[in-house]
Each structure stands twice: as C-alpha cells, then as structure tokens.
C-alpha atoms as a PDB file:
ATOM      1  CA  MET A   1     131.879 115.428 112.086  1.00  0.00           C
ATOM      2  CA  SER A   2     128.385 114.315 113.092  1.00  0.00           C
ATOM      3  CA  ARG A   3     125.814 113.877 110.348  1.00  0.00           C
ATOM      4  CA  LYS A   4     123.040 116.409 109.955  1.00  0.00           C
ATOM      5  CA  LYS A   5     119.676 115.366 111.349  1.00  0.00           C
ATOM      6  CA  ILE A   6     116.212 115.411 109.789  1.00  0.00           C
ATOM      7  CA  LEU A   7     112.904 115.042 111.642  1.00  0.00           C
ATOM      8  CA  PHE A   8     109.974 113.584 109.713  1.00  0.00           C
ATOM      9  CA  ILE A   9     106.600 114.393 111.284  1.00  0.00           C
ATOM     10  CA  CYS A  10     104.119 111.703 110.275  1.00  0.00           C
ATOM     11  CA  GLY A  11     100.332 111.403 110.509  1.00  0.00           C
ATOM     12  CA  SER A  12      98.012 108.908 108.844  1.00  0.00           C
ATOM     13  CA  LEU A  13      99.450 105.791 107.217  1.00  0.00           C
ATOM     14  CA  ASN A  14      99.332 107.572 103.859  1.00  0.00           C
ATOM     15  CA  GLN A  15     101.276 110.519 105.256  1.00  0.00           C
ATOM     16  CA  THR A  16     103.704 108.252 107.112  1.00  0.00           C
ATOM     17  CA  SER A  17     104.499 106.170 104.040  1.00  0.00           C
ATOM     18  CA  MET A  18     105.138 109.407 102.119  1.00  0.00           C
ATOM     19  CA  MET A  19     107.628 110.541 104.762  1.00  0.00           C
ATOM     20  CA  HIS A  20     109.308 107.140 104.655  1.00  0.00           C
ATOM     21  CA  GLN A  21     109.651 107.239 100.863  1.00  0.00           C
ATOM     22  CA  ILE A  22     111.256 110.683 100.979  1.00  0.00           C
ATOM     23  CA  SER A  23     113.706 109.516 103.652  1.00  0.00           C
ATOM     24  CA  GLN A  24     114.930 106.724 101.365  1.00  0.00           C
ATOM     25  CA  TYR A  25     116.721 109.386  99.313  1.00  0.00           C
ATOM     26  CA  LEU A  26     118.291 111.012 102.383  1.00  0.00           C
ATOM     27  CA  LYS A  27     120.252 108.089 103.803  1.00  0.00           C
ATOM     28  CA  GLU A  28     123.422 110.138 104.153  1.00  0.00           C
ATOM     29  CA  TYR A  29     121.679 112.013 106.982  1.00  0.00           C
ATOM     30  CA  ASP A  30     120.317 110.868 110.351  1.00  0.00           C
ATOM     31  CA  CYS A  31     116.578 110.529 109.797  1.00  0.00           C
ATOM     32  CA  PHE A  32     114.191 110.368 112.756  1.00  0.00           C
ATOM     33  CA  PHE A  33     110.410 109.969 112.729  1.00  0.00           C
ATOM     34  CA  THR A  34     107.603 110.955 115.057  1.00  0.00           C
ATOM     35  CA  PRO A  35     103.842 110.513 115.017  1.00  0.00           C
ATOM     36  CA  TYR A  36     102.037 113.840 114.707  1.00  0.00           C
ATOM     37  CA  TYR A  37     102.007 115.786 117.969  1.00  0.00           C
ATOM     38  CA  SER A  38     100.767 119.015 119.503  1.00  0.00           C
ATOM     39  CA  ASP A  39     101.519 121.550 122.217  1.00  0.00           C
ATOM     40  CA  GLY A  40      99.752 123.130 125.170  1.00  0.00           C
ATOM     41  CA  MET A  41      96.120 122.361 125.894  1.00  0.00           C
ATOM     42  CA  ILE A  42      95.719 120.099 122.858  1.00  0.00           C
ATOM     43  CA  ASN A  43      98.630 117.959 124.013  1.00  0.00           C
ATOM     44  CA  TYR A  44      97.142 117.820 127.518  1.00  0.00           C
ATOM     45  CA  LEU A  45      93.789 116.633 126.146  1.00  0.00           C
ATOM     46  CA  VAL A  46      95.465 114.016 123.939  1.00  0.00           C
ATOM     47  CA  GLY A  47      97.286 112.766 127.035  1.00  0.00           C
ATOM     48  CA  LYS A  48      93.896 112.366 128.726  1.00  0.00           C
ATOM     49  CA  GLY A  49      92.691 110.167 125.858  1.00  0.00           C
ATOM     50  CA  TYR A  50      90.855 112.711 123.718  1.00  0.00           C
ATOM     51  CA  GLY A  51      91.299 113.242 119.985  1.00  0.00           C
ATOM     52  CA  LYS A  52      91.104 109.565 118.996  1.00  0.00           C
ATOM     53  CA  PHE A  53      89.423 110.572 115.717  1.00  0.00           C
ATOM     54  CA  SER A  54      92.503 112.570 114.635  1.00  0.00           C
ATOM     55  CA  ILE A  55      96.105 111.857 113.613  1.00  0.00           C
ATOM     56  CA  LEU A  56      97.132 112.856 117.145  1.00  0.00           C
ATOM     57  CA  ASN A  57      95.650 109.801 118.822  1.00  0.00           C
ATOM     58  CA  GLY A  58      93.650 106.627 118.345  1.00  0.00           C
ATOM     59  CA  PRO A  59      93.903 104.339 115.278  1.00  0.00           C
ATOM     60  CA  PHE A  60      95.807 106.865 113.169  1.00  0.00           C
ATOM     61  CA  ARG A  61      98.602 107.170 115.727  1.00  0.00           C
ATOM     62  CA  TRP A  62      98.627 103.459 116.588  1.00  0.00           C
ATOM     63  CA  ASN A  63      98.945 102.499 112.921  1.00  0.00           C
ATOM     64  CA  THR A  64     101.755 105.002 112.460  1.00  0.00           C
ATOM     65  CA  GLU A  65     103.641 103.664 115.471  1.00  0.00           C
ATOM     66  CA  LYS A  66     103.209 100.119 114.145  1.00  0.00           C
ATOM     67  CA  TYR A  67     104.475 101.179 110.701  1.00  0.00           C
ATOM     68  CA  LEU A  68     107.561 102.841 112.184  1.00  0.00           C
ATOM     69  CA  GLU A  69     108.302  99.748 114.248  1.00  0.00           C
ATOM     70  CA  ILE A  70     107.801  97.274 111.372  1.00  0.00           C
ATOM     71  CA  ASN A  71     110.083  99.315 109.110  1.00  0.00           C
ATOM     72  CA  ASN A  72     112.710  99.681 111.848  1.00  0.00           C
ATOM     73  CA  LEU A  73     112.750 103.471 111.595  1.00  0.00           C
ATOM     74  CA  GLN A  74     114.403 105.662 114.230  1.00  0.00           C
ATOM     75  CA  VAL A  75     111.729 107.233 116.419  1.00  0.00           C
ATOM     76  CA  ASP A  76     112.082 110.499 118.307  1.00  0.00           C
ATOM     77  CA  TYR A  77     108.623 111.167 119.682  1.00  0.00           C
ATOM     78  CA  ARG A  78     107.881 114.902 119.600  1.00  0.00           C
ATOM     79  CA  GLY A  79     111.406 115.530 118.227  1.00  0.00           C
ATOM     80  CA  LEU A  80     112.903 116.071 121.675  1.00  0.00           C
ATOM     81  CA  LYS A  81     116.110 114.008 121.463  1.00  0.00           C
ATOM     82  CA  ASN A  82     117.999 115.993 118.859  1.00  0.00           C
ATOM     83  CA  ASN A  83     118.638 119.454 117.477  1.00  0.00           C
ATOM     84  CA  TYR A  84     117.336 119.102 113.923  1.00  0.00           C
ATOM     85  CA  ASP A  85     118.765 120.758 110.831  1.00  0.00           C
ATOM     86  CA  LEU A  86     115.604 120.162 108.778  1.00  0.00           C
ATOM     87  CA  VAL A  87     111.978 119.196 109.425  1.00  0.00           C
ATOM     88  CA  ILE A  88     109.778 117.547 106.794  1.00  0.00           C
ATOM     89  CA  THR A  89     106.138 117.473 107.852  1.00  0.00           C
ATOM     90  CA  CYS A  90     102.838 116.253 106.475  1.00  0.00           C
ATOM     91  CA  ALA A  91     100.602 119.012 107.878  1.00  0.00           C
ATOM     92  CA  ASP A  92     100.697 122.594 109.101  1.00  0.00           C
ATOM     93  CA  LEU A  93      97.399 122.605 111.006  1.00  0.00           C
ATOM     94  CA  ILE A  94      99.733 122.763 113.993  1.00  0.00           C
ATOM     95  CA  ILE A  95     103.271 124.109 113.697  1.00  0.00           C
ATOM     96  CA  GLN A  96     104.805 122.722 116.860  1.00  0.00           C
ATOM     97  CA  LYS A  97     106.772 125.122 119.053  1.00  0.00           C
ATOM     98  CA  ASN A  98     110.008 123.139 118.914  1.00  0.00           C
ATOM     99  CA  ILE A  99     110.236 123.330 115.093  1.00  0.00           C
ATOM    100  CA  ARG A 100     109.342 126.987 114.549  1.00  0.00           C
ATOM    101  CA  ASN A 101     112.980 128.058 114.301  1.00  0.00           C
ATOM    102  CA  LYS A 102     113.858 125.182 111.933  1.00  0.00           C
ATOM    103  CA  LYS A 103     113.926 124.857 108.167  1.00  0.00           C
ATOM    104  CA  ILE A 104     110.586 123.267 107.280  1.00  0.00           C
ATOM    105  CA  ILE A 105     109.373 121.482 104.153  1.00  0.00           C
ATOM    106  CA  LEU A 106     105.621 120.881 104.072  1.00  0.00           C
ATOM    107  CA  VAL A 107     104.348 118.047 101.854  1.00  0.00           C
ATOM    108  CA  GLN A 108     100.747 117.866 100.649  1.00  0.00           C
ATOM    109  CA  GLU A 109      99.044 114.587 101.555  1.00  0.00           C
ATOM    110  CA  GLY A 110      96.140 114.544  99.123  1.00  0.00           C
ATOM    111  CA  MET A 111      92.677 116.089  99.131  1.00  0.00           C
ATOM    112  CA  THR A 112      91.701 118.651 101.721  1.00  0.00           C
ATOM    113  CA  ASP A 113      88.363 118.912 103.485  1.00  0.00           C
ATOM    114  CA  PRO A 114      85.696 121.170 101.943  1.00  0.00           C
ATOM    115  CA  GLU A 115      85.687 124.789 103.063  1.00  0.00           C
ATOM    116  CA  THR A 116      82.915 125.271 105.596  1.00  0.00           C
ATOM    117  CA  ILE A 117      81.988 128.371 107.580  1.00  0.00           C
ATOM    118  CA  MET A 118      84.649 127.287 110.093  1.00  0.00           C
ATOM    119  CA  PHE A 119      87.372 127.676 107.454  1.00  0.00           C
ATOM    120  CA  HIS A 120      86.423 131.329 106.925  1.00  0.00           C
ATOM    121  CA  LEU A 121      86.166 131.969 110.674  1.00  0.00           C
ATOM    122  CA  VAL A 122      89.625 130.471 111.197  1.00  0.00           C
ATOM    123  CA  LYS A 123      91.147 132.424 108.328  1.00  0.00           C
ATOM    124  CA  TYR A 124      89.712 135.847 109.052  1.00  0.00           C
ATOM    125  CA  PHE A 125      89.660 135.752 112.867  1.00  0.00           C
ATOM    126  CA  LYS A 126      93.066 134.021 113.141  1.00  0.00           C
ATOM    127  CA  LEU A 127      91.621 131.095 115.081  1.00  0.00           C
ATOM    128  CA  PRO A 128      93.612 127.851 115.491  1.00  0.00           C
ATOM    129  CA  ARG A 129      93.827 126.189 112.055  1.00  0.00           C
ATOM    130  CA  TRP A 130      93.013 122.728 113.367  1.00  0.00           C
ATOM    131  CA  LEU A 131      89.446 123.897 114.093  1.00  0.00           C
ATOM    132  CA  ALA A 132      88.765 123.741 110.336  1.00  0.00           C
ATOM    133  CA  SER A 133      90.679 120.491 109.795  1.00  0.00           C
ATOM    134  CA  THR A 134      92.593 119.957 106.549  1.00  0.00           C
ATOM    135  CA  SER A 135      90.716 122.725 104.720  1.00  0.00           C
ATOM    136  CA  THR A 136      93.385 125.053 106.192  1.00  0.00           C
ATOM    137  CA  MET A 137      96.304 123.094 104.748  1.00  0.00           C
ATOM    138  CA  GLY A 138      99.085 125.409 103.610  1.00  0.00           C
ATOM    139  CA  ILE A 139      97.741 128.696 104.941  1.00  0.00           C
ATOM    140  CA  SER A 140     100.042 128.906 107.980  1.00  0.00           C
ATOM    141  CA  ASN A 141     102.922 129.997 105.706  1.00  0.00           C
ATOM    142  CA  LEU A 142     105.188 128.975 108.607  1.00  0.00           C
ATOM    143  CA  TYR A 143     107.334 126.793 106.369  1.00  0.00           C
ATOM    144  CA  ASN A 144     110.095 127.366 103.853  1.00  0.00           C
ATOM    145  CA  ILE A 145     108.705 125.255 101.002  1.00  0.00           C
ATOM    146  CA  PHE A 146     105.333 123.669 100.304  1.00  0.00           C
ATOM    147  CA  CYS A 147     105.527 120.688  97.921  1.00  0.00           C
ATOM    148  CA  VAL A 148     102.219 120.139  96.110  1.00  0.00           C
ATOM    149  CA  ALA A 149     100.696 117.597  93.754  1.00  0.00           C
ATOM    150  CA  SER A 150      99.973 119.628  90.623  1.00  0.00           C
ATOM    151  CA  GLU A 151      99.713 123.054  89.046  1.00  0.00           C
ATOM    152  CA  GLY A 152      95.988 122.916  89.776  1.00  0.00           C
ATOM    153  CA  TYR A 153      96.693 122.402  93.457  1.00  0.00           C
ATOM    154  CA  LYS A 154      99.245 125.212  93.425  1.00  0.00           C
ATOM    155  CA  ASN A 155      96.512 127.628  92.299  1.00  0.00           C
ATOM    156  CA  PHE A 156      94.078 126.022  94.758  1.00  0.00           C
ATOM    157  CA  PHE A 157      96.335 126.683  97.747  1.00  0.00           C
ATOM    158  CA  ILE A 158      97.215 130.198  96.594  1.00  0.00           C
ATOM    159  CA  LYS A 159      93.514 131.059  96.552  1.00  0.00           C
ATOM    160  CA  LYS A 160      93.229 129.766 100.113  1.00  0.00           C
ATOM    161  CA  GLY A 161      96.031 132.072 101.266  1.00  0.00           C
ATOM    162  CA  ALA A 162      99.255 130.109 100.852  1.00  0.00           C
ATOM    163  CA  ASP A 163     102.320 132.115  99.795  1.00  0.00           C
ATOM    164  CA  GLU A 164     102.833 131.567  96.052  1.00  0.00           C
ATOM    165  CA  ASN A 165     106.578 132.116  96.398  1.00  0.00           C
ATOM    166  CA  LYS A 166     106.915 129.107  98.704  1.00  0.00           C
ATOM    167  CA  ILE A 167     105.013 126.565  96.587  1.00  0.00           C
ATOM    168  CA  ILE A 168     106.766 124.061  94.314  1.00  0.00           C
ATOM    169  CA  VAL A 169     104.890 121.570  92.126  1.00  0.00           C
ATOM    170  CA  THR A 170     106.871 118.402  92.827  1.00  0.00           C
ATOM    171  CA  GLY A 171     104.119 115.809  92.667  1.00  0.00           C
ATOM    172  CA  ILE A 172     103.451 113.772  95.797  1.00  0.00           C
ATOM    173  CA  PRO A 173     104.382 110.189  96.701  1.00  0.00           C
ATOM    174  CA  ASN A 174     101.585 107.572  96.596  1.00  0.00           C
ATOM    175  CA  PHE A 175      99.712 109.471  93.862  1.00  0.00           C
ATOM    176  CA  ASP A 176     102.393 110.044  91.214  1.00  0.00           C
ATOM    177  CA  ASN A 177     102.595 106.605  89.572  1.00  0.00           C
ATOM    178  CA  VAL A 178      99.138 105.033  89.734  1.00  0.00           C
ATOM    179  CA  LYS A 179      99.748 102.709  86.786  1.00  0.00           C
ATOM    180  CA  GLU A 180     101.853 100.568  89.124  1.00  0.00           C
ATOM    181  CA  PHE A 181      98.655  99.553  90.953  1.00  0.00           C
ATOM    182  CA  LEU A 182      97.462  97.652  87.861  1.00  0.00           C
ATOM    183  CA  ASN A 183      99.924  94.883  88.731  1.00  0.00           C
ATOM    184  CA  ASN A 184      98.200  93.260  91.702  1.00  0.00           C
ATOM    185  CA  ASP A 185      96.742  90.027  93.057  1.00  0.00           C
ATOM    186  CA  PHE A 186      93.372  91.312  94.270  1.00  0.00           C
ATOM    187  CA  PRO A 187      90.983  88.460  93.350  1.00  0.00           C
ATOM    188  CA  HIS A 188      87.969  90.461  92.108  1.00  0.00           C
ATOM    189  CA  LYS A 189      87.549  92.347  88.825  1.00  0.00           C
ATOM    190  CA  ASN A 190      84.907  94.457  87.042  1.00  0.00           C
ATOM    191  CA  PHE A 191      83.040  95.417  90.200  1.00  0.00           C
ATOM    192  CA  VAL A 192      81.770  98.619  91.805  1.00  0.00           C
ATOM    193  CA  LEU A 193      84.012  99.739  94.662  1.00  0.00           C
ATOM    194  CA  VAL A 194      82.819 101.966  97.485  1.00  0.00           C
ATOM    195  CA  CYS A 195      85.444 103.627  99.689  1.00  0.00           C
ATOM    196  CA  THR A 196      83.656 104.844 102.795  1.00  0.00           C
ATOM    197  CA  SER A 197      84.620 107.753 105.034  1.00  0.00           C
ATOM    198  CA  ASP A 198      85.175 108.380 108.735  1.00  0.00           C
ATOM    199  CA  ALA A 199      82.868 111.399 108.693  1.00  0.00           C
ATOM    200  CA  ARG A 200      80.860 110.245 111.685  1.00  0.00           C
ATOM    201  CA  GLU A 201      83.960 109.368 113.679  1.00  0.00           C
ATOM    202  CA  THR A 202      85.277 112.899 113.078  1.00  0.00           C
ATOM    203  CA  PHE A 203      81.966 114.509 114.083  1.00  0.00           C
ATOM    204  CA  LYS A 204      80.741 115.357 110.588  1.00  0.00           C
ATOM    205  CA  TYR A 205      77.283 114.570 109.284  1.00  0.00           C
ATOM    206  CA  GLU A 206      76.691 111.596 107.008  1.00  0.00           C
ATOM    207  CA  ASN A 207      73.484 109.765 106.151  1.00  0.00           C
ATOM    208  CA  ARG A 208      75.115 106.355 105.699  1.00  0.00           C
ATOM    209  CA  LYS A 209      71.844 104.545 104.918  1.00  0.00           C
ATOM    210  CA  LYS A 210      71.080 106.945 102.070  1.00  0.00           C
ATOM    211  CA  PHE A 211      74.653 106.665 100.804  1.00  0.00           C
ATOM    212  CA  ILE A 212      74.543 102.860 100.717  1.00  0.00           C
ATOM    213  CA  GLN A 213      71.217 102.914  98.891  1.00  0.00           C
ATOM    214  CA  LYS A 214      72.745 105.251  96.292  1.00  0.00           C
ATOM    215  CA  CYS A 215      75.660 102.837  95.852  1.00  0.00           C
ATOM    216  CA  VAL A 216      73.254  99.948  95.284  1.00  0.00           C
ATOM    217  CA  ARG A 217      71.470 101.924  92.548  1.00  0.00           C
ATOM    218  CA  ILE A 218      74.744 102.797  90.822  1.00  0.00           C
ATOM    219  CA  ALA A 219      75.964  99.196  90.971  1.00  0.00           C
ATOM    220  CA  ASP A 220      72.730  97.826  89.486  1.00  0.00           C
ATOM    221  CA  ASP A 221      73.606  94.200  88.675  1.00  0.00           C
ATOM    222  CA  LYS A 222      77.382  94.508  89.223  1.00  0.00           C
ATOM    223  CA  GLN A 223      79.129  93.112  92.285  1.00  0.00           C
ATOM    224  CA  LEU A 224      79.341  95.766  95.009  1.00  0.00           C
ATOM    225  CA  ILE A 225      82.437  95.853  97.237  1.00  0.00           C
ATOM    226  CA  PHE A 226      82.877  98.172 100.214  1.00  0.00           C
ATOM    227  CA  LYS A 227      86.323  99.119 101.513  1.00  0.00           C
ATOM    228  CA  LEU A 228      85.891 100.649 104.962  1.00  0.00           C
ATOM    229  CA  HIS A 229      87.880 103.664 106.108  1.00  0.00           C
ATOM    230  CA  PRO A 230      90.576 102.572 108.607  1.00  0.00           C
ATOM    231  CA  ASN A 231      89.330 105.072 111.189  1.00  0.00           C
ATOM    232  CA  GLU A 232      85.660 104.107 111.205  1.00  0.00           C
ATOM    233  CA  ASN A 233      83.646 101.757 113.397  1.00  0.00           C
ATOM    234  CA  PHE A 234      83.950  98.501 111.442  1.00  0.00           C
ATOM    235  CA  GLU A 235      81.237  96.634 113.350  1.00  0.00           C
ATOM    236  CA  ARG A 236      78.647  99.380 112.880  1.00  0.00           C
ATOM    237  CA  ALA A 237      79.545  99.982 109.231  1.00  0.00           C
ATOM    238  CA  THR A 238      79.454  96.296 108.333  1.00  0.00           C
ATOM    239  CA  LYS A 239      76.085  95.844 109.991  1.00  0.00           C
ATOM    240  CA  GLU A 240      74.653  98.804 108.045  1.00  0.00           C
ATOM    241  CA  ILE A 241      75.980  97.472 104.737  1.00  0.00           C
ATOM    242  CA  ASN A 242      74.685  93.967 105.385  1.00  0.00           C
ATOM    243  CA  HIS A 243      71.239  95.416 106.047  1.00  0.00           C
ATOM    244  CA  SER A 244      70.973  97.691 102.997  1.00  0.00           C
ATOM    245  CA  ALA A 245      73.234  95.840 100.557  1.00  0.00           C
ATOM    246  CA  PRO A 246      73.148  92.185 101.651  1.00  0.00           C
ATOM    247  CA  ASN A 247      74.983  90.897  98.562  1.00  0.00           C
ATOM    248  CA  ALA A 248      77.908  93.278  98.972  1.00  0.00           C
ATOM    249  CA  ILE A 249      81.411  92.195  99.997  1.00  0.00           C
ATOM    250  CA  VAL A 250      82.964  94.188 102.847  1.00  0.00           C
ATOM    251  CA  TYR A 251      86.692  94.673 103.469  1.00  0.00           C
ATOM    252  CA  SER A 252      88.040  96.411 106.564  1.00  0.00           C
ATOM    253  CA  SER A 253      91.649  96.050 105.398  1.00  0.00           C
ATOM    254  CA  GLY A 254      93.599  95.441 102.216  1.00  0.00           C
ATOM    255  CA  ASN A 255      95.286  97.501  99.509  1.00  0.00           C
ATOM    256  CA  THR A 256      92.725 100.093  98.431  1.00  0.00           C
ATOM    257  CA  ASN A 257      94.732 101.111  95.371  1.00  0.00           C
ATOM    258  CA  HIS A 258      94.741  97.546  94.054  1.00  0.00           C
ATOM    259  CA  MET A 259      90.988  97.377  94.541  1.00  0.00           C
ATOM    260  CA  ILE A 260      90.567 100.605  92.569  1.00  0.00           C
ATOM    261  CA  ALA A 261      92.796  99.302  89.779  1.00  0.00           C
ATOM    262  CA  ASN A 262      90.523  96.269  89.344  1.00  0.00           C
ATOM    263  CA  CYS A 263      87.147  98.001  89.633  1.00  0.00           C
ATOM    264  CA  ASP A 264      84.967  99.428  86.858  1.00  0.00           C
ATOM    265  CA  VAL A 265      83.337 102.079  89.041  1.00  0.00           C
ATOM    266  CA  LEU A 266      84.625 103.906  92.111  1.00  0.00           C
ATOM    267  CA  ILE A 267      82.267 105.594  94.584  1.00  0.00           C
ATOM    268  CA  THR A 268      83.590 107.825  97.344  1.00  0.00           C
ATOM    269  CA  LYS A 269      82.785 111.168  98.967  1.00  0.00           C
ATOM    270  CA  TYR A 270      85.710 113.299 100.131  1.00  0.00           C
ATOM    271  CA  SER A 271      88.596 110.875  99.763  1.00  0.00           C
ATOM    272  CA  SER A 272      91.849 111.310  97.848  1.00  0.00           C
ATOM    273  CA  VAL A 273      91.313 107.840  96.362  1.00  0.00           C
ATOM    274  CA  ALA A 274      89.158 109.594  93.761  1.00  0.00           C
ATOM    275  CA  PHE A 275      92.435 110.766  92.195  1.00  0.00           C
ATOM    276  CA  VAL A 276      93.599 107.177  91.734  1.00  0.00           C
ATOM    277  CA  GLY A 277      90.322 106.308  90.022  1.00  0.00           C
ATOM    278  CA  LEU A 278      90.434 109.335  87.723  1.00  0.00           C
ATOM    279  CA  ALA A 279      94.081 108.772  86.802  1.00  0.00           C
ATOM    280  CA  LEU A 280      93.220 105.164  85.899  1.00  0.00           C
ATOM    281  CA  ASN A 281      90.235 106.341  83.804  1.00  0.00           C
ATOM    282  CA  LYS A 282      87.631 104.707  86.030  1.00  0.00           C
ATOM    283  CA  GLU A 283      84.046 105.891  86.312  1.00  0.00           C
ATOM    284  CA  VAL A 284      84.203 107.945  89.510  1.00  0.00           C
ATOM    285  CA  HIS A 285      81.417 109.235  91.747  1.00  0.00           C
ATOM    286  CA  SER A 286      82.480 111.820  94.331  1.00  0.00           C
ATOM    287  CA  ALA A 287      80.941 114.553  96.461  1.00  0.00           C
ATOM    288  CA  PHE A 288      83.447 116.891  94.795  1.00  0.00           C
ATOM    289  CA  ASP A 289      82.890 118.281  91.306  1.00  0.00           C
ATOM    290  CA  LEU A 290      84.711 115.899  88.948  1.00  0.00           C
ATOM    291  CA  SER A 291      85.728 118.638  86.523  1.00  0.00           C
ATOM    292  CA  GLU A 292      87.459 120.410  89.421  1.00  0.00           C
ATOM    293  CA  LEU A 293      89.131 117.181  90.544  1.00  0.00           C
ATOM    294  CA  ARG A 294      90.530 116.663  87.052  1.00  0.00           C
ATOM    295  CA  LYS A 295      92.125 120.123  87.241  1.00  0.00           C
ATOM    296  CA  LEU A 296      93.716 119.164  90.567  1.00  0.00           C
ATOM    297  CA  LEU A 297      94.818 115.685  89.458  1.00  0.00           C
ATOM    298  CA  PRO A 298      98.303 114.885  90.822  1.00  0.00           C
ATOM    299  CA  ILE A 299     101.117 114.853  88.281  1.00  0.00           C
ATOM    300  CA  GLN A 300     102.126 111.386  87.094  1.00  0.00           C
ATOM    301  CA  ASN A 301     105.932 111.486  87.053  1.00  0.00           C
ATOM    302  CA  ASN A 302     106.672 107.736  87.289  1.00  0.00           C
ATOM    303  CA  GLY A 303     107.108 107.887  91.052  1.00  0.00           C
ATOM    304  CA  SER A 304     109.870 110.502  91.172  1.00  0.00           C
ATOM    305  CA  SER A 305     108.174 112.878  93.644  1.00  0.00           C
ATOM    306  CA  ALA A 306     109.852 111.472  96.766  1.00  0.00           C
ATOM    307  CA  GLU A 307     113.319 111.868  95.252  1.00  0.00           C
ATOM    308  CA  ARG A 308     112.462 115.369  94.033  1.00  0.00           C
ATOM    309  CA  ILE A 309     111.302 116.451  97.506  1.00  0.00           C
ATOM    310  CA  ALA A 310     114.369 114.851  99.091  1.00  0.00           C
ATOM    311  CA  SER A 311     116.598 116.800  96.693  1.00  0.00           C
ATOM    312  CA  ILE A 312     115.007 120.043  97.883  1.00  0.00           C
ATOM    313  CA  GLY A 313     115.830 118.944 101.418  1.00  0.00           C
ATOM    314  CA  LYS A 314     119.457 118.311 100.449  1.00  0.00           C
ATOM    315  CA  ASP A 315     119.733 121.832  99.058  1.00  0.00           C
ATOM    316  CA  PHE A 316     118.456 123.250 102.349  1.00  0.00           C
ATOM    317  CA  LEU A 317     121.056 121.219 104.216  1.00  0.00           C
ATOM    318  CA  THR A 318     124.022 121.982 101.965  1.00  0.00           C
ATOM    319  CA  GLU A 319     123.492 125.461 100.541  1.00  0.00           C
ATOM    320  CA  LYS A 320     124.304 128.500 102.683  1.00  0.00           C
ATOM    321  CA  GLU A 321     121.657 130.599 100.942  1.00  0.00           C
ATOM    322  CA  ILE A 322     118.519 129.421  99.157  1.00  0.00           C
ATOM    323  CA  ASN A 323     117.084 131.312  96.205  1.00  0.00           C
ATOM    324  CA  LEU A 324     113.435 130.216  96.018  1.00  0.00           C
ATOM    325  CA  ASP A 325     113.095 131.150  92.357  1.00  0.00           C
ATOM    326  CA  GLU A 326     116.094 129.019  91.460  1.00  0.00           C
ATOM    327  CA  LEU A 327     114.775 126.199  93.634  1.00  0.00           C
ATOM    328  CA  LYS A 328     111.420 126.241  91.829  1.00  0.00           C
ATOM    329  CA  GLU A 329     113.076 126.319  88.423  1.00  0.00           C
ATOM    330  CA  LYS A 330     115.288 123.388  89.406  1.00  0.00           C
ATOM    331  CA  TYR A 331     112.671 121.089  90.923  1.00  0.00           C
ATOM    332  CA  SER A 332     109.224 122.067  89.650  1.00  0.00           C
ATOM    333  CA  CYS A 333     107.372 119.529  87.494  1.00  0.00           C
ATOM    334  CA  SER A 334     105.029 122.144  86.055  1.00  0.00           C
END
C-alpha cells in the first residue's frame, strides 16, 4: 500500500523552516514541498517577472528554493505531481485551486500587517485577500484547522472574521522556545539592535531617515547595530545608515534571533521579531502597541508546537471522522 502524501506550501524562510519542522514529525508519510504559488492572472504576472516583493517571486522564493535544496527536501512545485491527502500551508491569502478539495491545516507565521482601509474593503466587498496582504490572514475560512500562536491571537483572528470553531492554540514553531537563542556565538553584547523592514520594497511608506535618527537617539551612547530585512535593497539601506548613523554596524545576513538574545534594546516596526525581544524581557520599541503585543505573545511550550501541529495532521490522515471539539481539547495549549 502506498504511503499517504502531504504537501507543504512554503513562503518566506521563516514560514519554510516552520513547514520543515512540522514535517520532521511526519516521516511515516511522503512529504513534498513547494514555494508559495498562485493561479490565474497572478500566476501569469509572476511568470512575467512581477511580484518580486512577495513570497511568490524574487528573494523570498529564491531563498525558499535554496533552503529546500540544501535540506534535500522533495519538491513538487505547485503540487502538480501527486494527489495529496493533506495540505499544510503557511498562508491563506490565496487558496490555490488544486488544494480546495483537500484537507487543509493553516499555520500562523507570526505578526500580521496592520489593518488599513484596504483590509476593510477586501473584507466587506469580498475582494481578493492578497490586496490587503497579511492583515487578512485566517479570514478565508477555507481550511479545516487554523493553528495559532496564543490565546490572544485566537481572539485576534476571531475578531477579524476567522471561524472560532476551526482555531486551535498550538503555539507556532520558531517562536515557542526563545530561551534557546541565548546559547549563541554572536560576538557583540549589550547593544541596541535595529531590525529594519522591507516596507519600501513592498510599496508601503517609510521615512527611513527619520527612523534611523530615532534609533540614534534611543541608542544614545550604546553601540547601534542594524540587521537589514532580507527583502530590502541592501546597498541603499547601508548607504542611508552610514550617512545618518556612521558609527553603526550593519548586517545584511546572520541569525537575527541570536542578535536579539544578546542585545539590551530592540527597535523594530512591524516585525514578528518583537515577540522574541518581549519573550526575552528586552526593552522593545515597536510601531505596535506593546501592551497589545504582550497579550498576543506566542506561547512558550519548549519547542513542542511543530510536533503538536503534526499530530493534528496525523489525526486528519488516520481518523475517518474528525470532531473539532475533541481535536481542540486534545491539542490546545490554552
């Protein structure tokens, strides 16, 4: 008898590593991976070279493909080779046509974008969810289970429009055991770390000069270190930092979590790295309200989220009927 097959739909490196971790607990099944993909006109435009700021194309997709190759993972681009028994995906901004009749587990990546006017237009006029980016995470309801980071996030997604009955608080890989980042070999300590964003690359407004000047004021006489977002223009960003903060150190690569573990102060805007800083009791500066972020803080369950999510997947593959209430009682961390 052939083994059942699972398709993991990846995205950014963070999302891809989450999918990989979950698959480690599903080795009795045939696991295949694909970079994030789309249908119709969006797929046509991606094929023409557009969308390089998104997980569909450009650095995000290239880094994912490199990760899959380095880790020797089975790739089935767009999930076309096999008939899958289960799909585990990192986003529901697009629910691809070839998975709509499959069992789907959606896994939260981290923070979502702020709700702008576009979020409300998308929600109330039923426009394509991708128009409002990750602010629409979870509201498709075109999945069987949505695994989220905390009870706070469960309530957060319900308010957005996600189906409460489908949400399970499992914790999420990469954010559920931050104390492990304290064991590292990053050479600097007791500095102010700035994690920049790719706002400009994704056509959002950012006054980078003003932001850098604010970082300099916060740092005062402490060493200032900038960790650039992997999707931003490194040459432009470095030049701007050198001009406004000439004594700062700039990294375009490296383990961000290790940098956070060693810093005294973390400055960011809309990044999920704020959760790592808060969980490690760092002084955090964010564009989000910190009291709200503390309510949303991912559960710290000693890194068991991936196994917990995988166990939900096993139930979907082995049980003839799934009782969602029993599933939540069995696997919820809350």
